C-alpha atoms as a PDB file:
ATOM      1  CA  MET A   1     -19.936 -39.300  10.913  1.00  0.00           C
ATOM      2  CA  SER A   2     -20.699 -37.942  13.840  1.00  0.00           C
ATOM      3  CA  GLU A   3     -24.246 -36.444  16.030  1.00  0.00           C
ATOM      4  CA  LYS A   4     -22.468 -33.056  15.432  1.00  0.00           C
ATOM      5  CA  GLN A   5     -21.434 -33.360  11.437  1.00  0.00           C
ATOM      6  CA  ASP A   6     -24.810 -35.057  10.849  1.00  0.00           C
ATOM      7  CA  GLY A   7     -26.398 -32.182  12.968  1.00  0.00           C
ATOM      8  CA  ARG A   8     -24.010 -29.172  10.514  1.00  0.00           C
ATOM      9  CA  ARG A   9     -24.713 -30.963   7.469  1.00  0.00           C
ATOM     10  CA  ARG A  10     -28.725 -30.892   8.320  1.00  0.00           C
ATOM     11  CA  ARG A  11     -28.647 -26.770   8.985  1.00  0.00           C
ATOM     12  CA  ALA A  12     -26.922 -26.297   5.576  1.00  0.00           C
ATOM     13  CA  LYS A  13     -29.130 -28.672   3.568  1.00  0.00           C
ATOM     14  CA  SER A  14     -31.713 -26.445   4.617  1.00  0.00           C
ATOM     15  CA  GLY A  15     -30.260 -22.859   4.299  1.00  0.00           C
ATOM     16  CA  ARG A  16     -28.944 -24.151   1.031  1.00  0.00           C
ATOM     17  CA  LEU A  17     -32.264 -25.449  -0.383  1.00  0.00           C
ATOM     18  CA  ARG A  18     -33.850 -22.008   0.240  1.00  0.00           C
ATOM     19  CA  MET A  19     -31.514 -20.194  -1.337  1.00  0.00           C
ATOM     20  CA  LYS A  20     -31.729 -22.786  -4.284  1.00  0.00           C
ATOM     21  CA  GLN A  21     -35.862 -21.613  -4.094  1.00  0.00           C
ATOM     22  CA  LEU A  22     -35.046 -17.977  -4.425  1.00  0.00           C
ATOM     23  CA  GLY A  23     -31.816 -18.664  -8.045  1.00  0.00           C
ATOM     24  CA  ALA A  24     -29.537 -16.808  -5.445  1.00  0.00           C
ATOM     25  CA  VAL A  25     -25.852 -16.745  -6.073  1.00  0.00           C
ATOM     26  CA  ARG A  26     -24.189 -17.954  -2.815  1.00  0.00           C
ATOM     27  CA  LEU A  27     -21.028 -16.968  -0.519  1.00  0.00           C
ATOM     28  CA  CYS A  28     -20.443 -20.215   0.642  1.00  0.00           C
ATOM     29  CA  VAL A  29     -18.216 -20.439   3.373  1.00  0.00           C
ATOM     30  CA  HIS A  30     -16.160 -23.937   5.269  1.00  0.00           C
ATOM     31  CA  ARG A  31     -14.376 -23.382   8.072  1.00  0.00           C
ATOM     32  CA  THR A  32     -12.111 -26.887   9.479  1.00  0.00           C
ATOM     33  CA  PRO A  33      -9.531 -25.755  12.450  1.00  0.00           C
ATOM     34  CA  ARG A  34      -7.040 -25.037  10.912  1.00  0.00           C
ATOM     35  CA  HIS A  35      -8.692 -22.692   7.776  1.00  0.00           C
ATOM     36  CA  ILE A  36     -11.621 -20.923   6.492  1.00  0.00           C
ATOM     37  CA  TYR A  37     -12.296 -21.022   2.603  1.00  0.00           C
ATOM     38  CA  ALA A  38     -15.186 -19.114   0.643  1.00  0.00           C
ATOM     39  CA  GLN A  39     -16.413 -19.667  -2.437  1.00  0.00           C
ATOM     40  CA  VAL A  40     -18.724 -17.513  -5.476  1.00  0.00           C
ATOM     41  CA  ILE A  41     -21.202 -19.532  -6.899  1.00  0.00           C
ATOM     42  CA  SER A  42     -23.562 -19.272  -9.637  1.00  0.00           C
ATOM     43  CA  ALA A  43     -27.321 -19.137  -9.171  1.00  0.00           C
ATOM     44  CA  GLY A  44     -28.229 -23.051 -10.745  1.00  0.00           C
ATOM     45  CA  GLY A  45     -24.669 -24.614  -8.348  1.00  0.00           C
ATOM     46  CA  ASP A  46     -22.522 -25.744 -10.923  1.00  0.00           C
ATOM     47  CA  LYS A  47     -20.292 -23.077 -11.313  1.00  0.00           C
ATOM     48  CA  VAL A  48     -17.441 -21.406  -9.190  1.00  0.00           C
ATOM     49  CA  LEU A  49     -17.468 -17.772  -9.593  1.00  0.00           C
ATOM     50  CA  ALA A  50     -14.700 -17.214  -7.067  1.00  0.00           C
ATOM     51  CA  SER A  51     -12.398 -18.301  -4.222  1.00  0.00           C
ATOM     52  CA  ALA A  52     -10.482 -18.332  -1.254  1.00  0.00           C
ATOM     53  CA  SER A  53      -8.731 -19.854   1.316  1.00  0.00           C
ATOM     54  CA  THR A  54      -6.027 -18.646   3.819  1.00  0.00           C
ATOM     55  CA  LEU A  55      -4.459 -22.183   1.681  1.00  0.00           C
ATOM     56  CA  ASP A  56      -3.423 -18.259  -0.969  1.00  0.00           C
ATOM     57  CA  GLY A  57      -0.163 -17.922  -1.640  1.00  0.00           C
ATOM     58  CA  SER A  58      -0.257 -13.928   0.533  1.00  0.00           C
ATOM     59  CA  LEU A  59      -2.431 -15.122   3.602  1.00  0.00           C
ATOM     60  CA  ARG A  60       0.010 -17.830   4.078  1.00  0.00           C
ATOM     61  CA  GLU A  61       1.673 -15.673   6.086  1.00  0.00           C
ATOM     62  CA  GLY A  62       2.031 -15.783   9.800  1.00  0.00           C
ATOM     63  CA  LYS A  63      -1.812 -17.869  11.537  1.00  0.00           C
ATOM     64  CA  THR A  64      -4.171 -18.763   8.873  1.00  0.00           C
ATOM     65  CA  GLY A  65      -7.158 -20.219  12.358  1.00  0.00           C
ATOM     66  CA  ASN A  66      -8.228 -16.850  13.818  1.00  0.00           C
ATOM     67  CA  SER A  67     -10.291 -13.973  13.819  1.00  0.00           C
ATOM     68  CA  ASP A  68      -7.787 -12.048  11.646  1.00  0.00           C
ATOM     69  CA  ALA A  69      -7.353 -14.666   8.342  1.00  0.00           C
ATOM     70  CA  ALA A  70     -10.900 -15.172   8.364  1.00  0.00           C
ATOM     71  CA  ALA A  71     -11.741 -11.164   7.471  1.00  0.00           C
ATOM     72  CA  SER A  72      -8.953 -11.074   4.948  1.00  0.00           C
ATOM     73  CA  VAL A  73     -10.276 -13.831   3.239  1.00  0.00           C
ATOM     74  CA  GLY A  74     -13.253 -11.989   3.573  1.00  0.00           C
ATOM     75  CA  ARG A  75     -12.163  -9.065   1.978  1.00  0.00           C
ATOM     76  CA  LEU A  76     -10.147 -10.878  -0.952  1.00  0.00           C
ATOM     77  CA  ILE A  77     -13.251 -12.790  -1.561  1.00  0.00           C
ATOM     78  CA  ALA A  78     -14.717  -9.180  -2.636  1.00  0.00           C
ATOM     79  CA  GLU A  79     -11.943  -7.680  -5.034  1.00  0.00           C
ATOM     80  CA  ARG A  80     -12.008 -11.168  -6.783  1.00  0.00           C
ATOM     81  CA  ALA A  81     -16.875 -12.062  -6.771  1.00  0.00           C
ATOM     82  CA  LYS A  82     -16.569  -7.515  -7.700  1.00  0.00           C
ATOM     83  CA  ALA A  83     -13.422  -8.788 -10.854  1.00  0.00           C
ATOM     84  CA  ALA A  84     -15.967 -11.631 -11.686  1.00  0.00           C
ATOM     85  CA  GLY A  85     -19.002  -9.555 -12.126  1.00  0.00           C
ATOM     86  CA  VAL A  86     -21.002 -10.676  -8.922  1.00  0.00           C
ATOM     87  CA  THR A  87     -21.827  -7.682  -5.782  1.00  0.00           C
ATOM     88  CA  ARG A  88     -25.019  -9.310  -4.625  1.00  0.00           C
ATOM     89  CA  VAL A  89     -25.307 -12.764  -3.081  1.00  0.00           C
ATOM     90  CA  ALA A  90     -26.553 -15.043  -0.369  1.00  0.00           C
ATOM     91  CA  PHE A  91     -23.521 -16.152   2.334  1.00  0.00           C
ATOM     92  CA  ASP A  92     -24.449 -19.749   3.109  1.00  0.00           C
ATOM     93  CA  ARG A  93     -22.803 -20.194   5.905  1.00  0.00           C
ATOM     94  CA  SER A  94     -22.594 -24.215   5.635  1.00  0.00           C
ATOM     95  CA  GLY A  95     -24.565 -25.031   8.703  1.00  0.00           C
ATOM     96  CA  PHE A  96     -22.172 -23.030  11.135  1.00  0.00           C
ATOM     97  CA  ARG A  97     -23.150 -20.823  13.397  1.00  0.00           C
ATOM     98  CA  TYR A  98     -21.849 -17.058  12.374  1.00  0.00           C
ATOM     99  CA  HIS A  99     -20.306 -15.420  15.555  1.00  0.00           C
ATOM    100  CA  GLY A 100     -15.943 -15.737  15.413  1.00  0.00           C
ATOM    101  CA  ARG A 101     -14.164 -16.540  12.023  1.00  0.00           C
ATOM    102  CA  VAL A 102     -17.719 -15.913  10.179  1.00  0.00           C
ATOM    103  CA  LYS A 103     -19.318 -13.380  11.244  1.00  0.00           C
ATOM    104  CA  ALA A 104     -15.197 -11.952  10.421  1.00  0.00           C
ATOM    105  CA  LEU A 105     -15.120 -13.668   7.027  1.00  0.00           C
ATOM    106  CA  ALA A 106     -19.082 -12.155   6.137  1.00  0.00           C
ATOM    107  CA  ASP A 107     -18.235  -7.702   7.453  1.00  0.00           C
ATOM    108  CA  ALA A 108     -15.322  -7.782   5.305  1.00  0.00           C
ATOM    109  CA  ALA A 109     -16.522  -9.836   2.867  1.00  0.00           C
ATOM    110  CA  ARG A 110     -19.969  -6.650   3.194  1.00  0.00           C
ATOM    111  CA  GLU A 111     -16.495  -4.350   3.966  1.00  0.00           C
ATOM    112  CA  GLY A 112     -15.961  -5.266   0.385  1.00  0.00           C
ATOM    113  CA  GLY A 113     -18.060  -3.522  -1.388  1.00  0.00           C
ATOM    114  CA  LEU A 114     -20.519  -7.738  -1.302  1.00  0.00           C
ATOM    115  CA  GLU A 115     -23.801  -7.427  -0.322  1.00  0.00           C
ATOM    116  CA  PHE A 116     -26.375  -9.197   1.573  1.00  0.00           C
END
């Protein structure tokens, strides 16, 4: 594995440890150059309560690797999380820097009604 991936995984591990200690439901984000994925994971970490990504049929049209697509995923994950009865989450950025597409997804999820 590359040093870049090792560093990201190390940062992700430390953040997830803190969220586990708090016992928080978390909104986990993963990004690739082409797509972005979001999941709402239970406090125990054993169950996915809601998920959304640019692979969903309604979001696949057009570009999938830009901030607009990430904002669409953020709105969709907020809608699905509220339908599952979740309104308060901890934002797990998975070691990615909080800018660009990750920030766009987080802002859209906040606008959609999630609190973090």
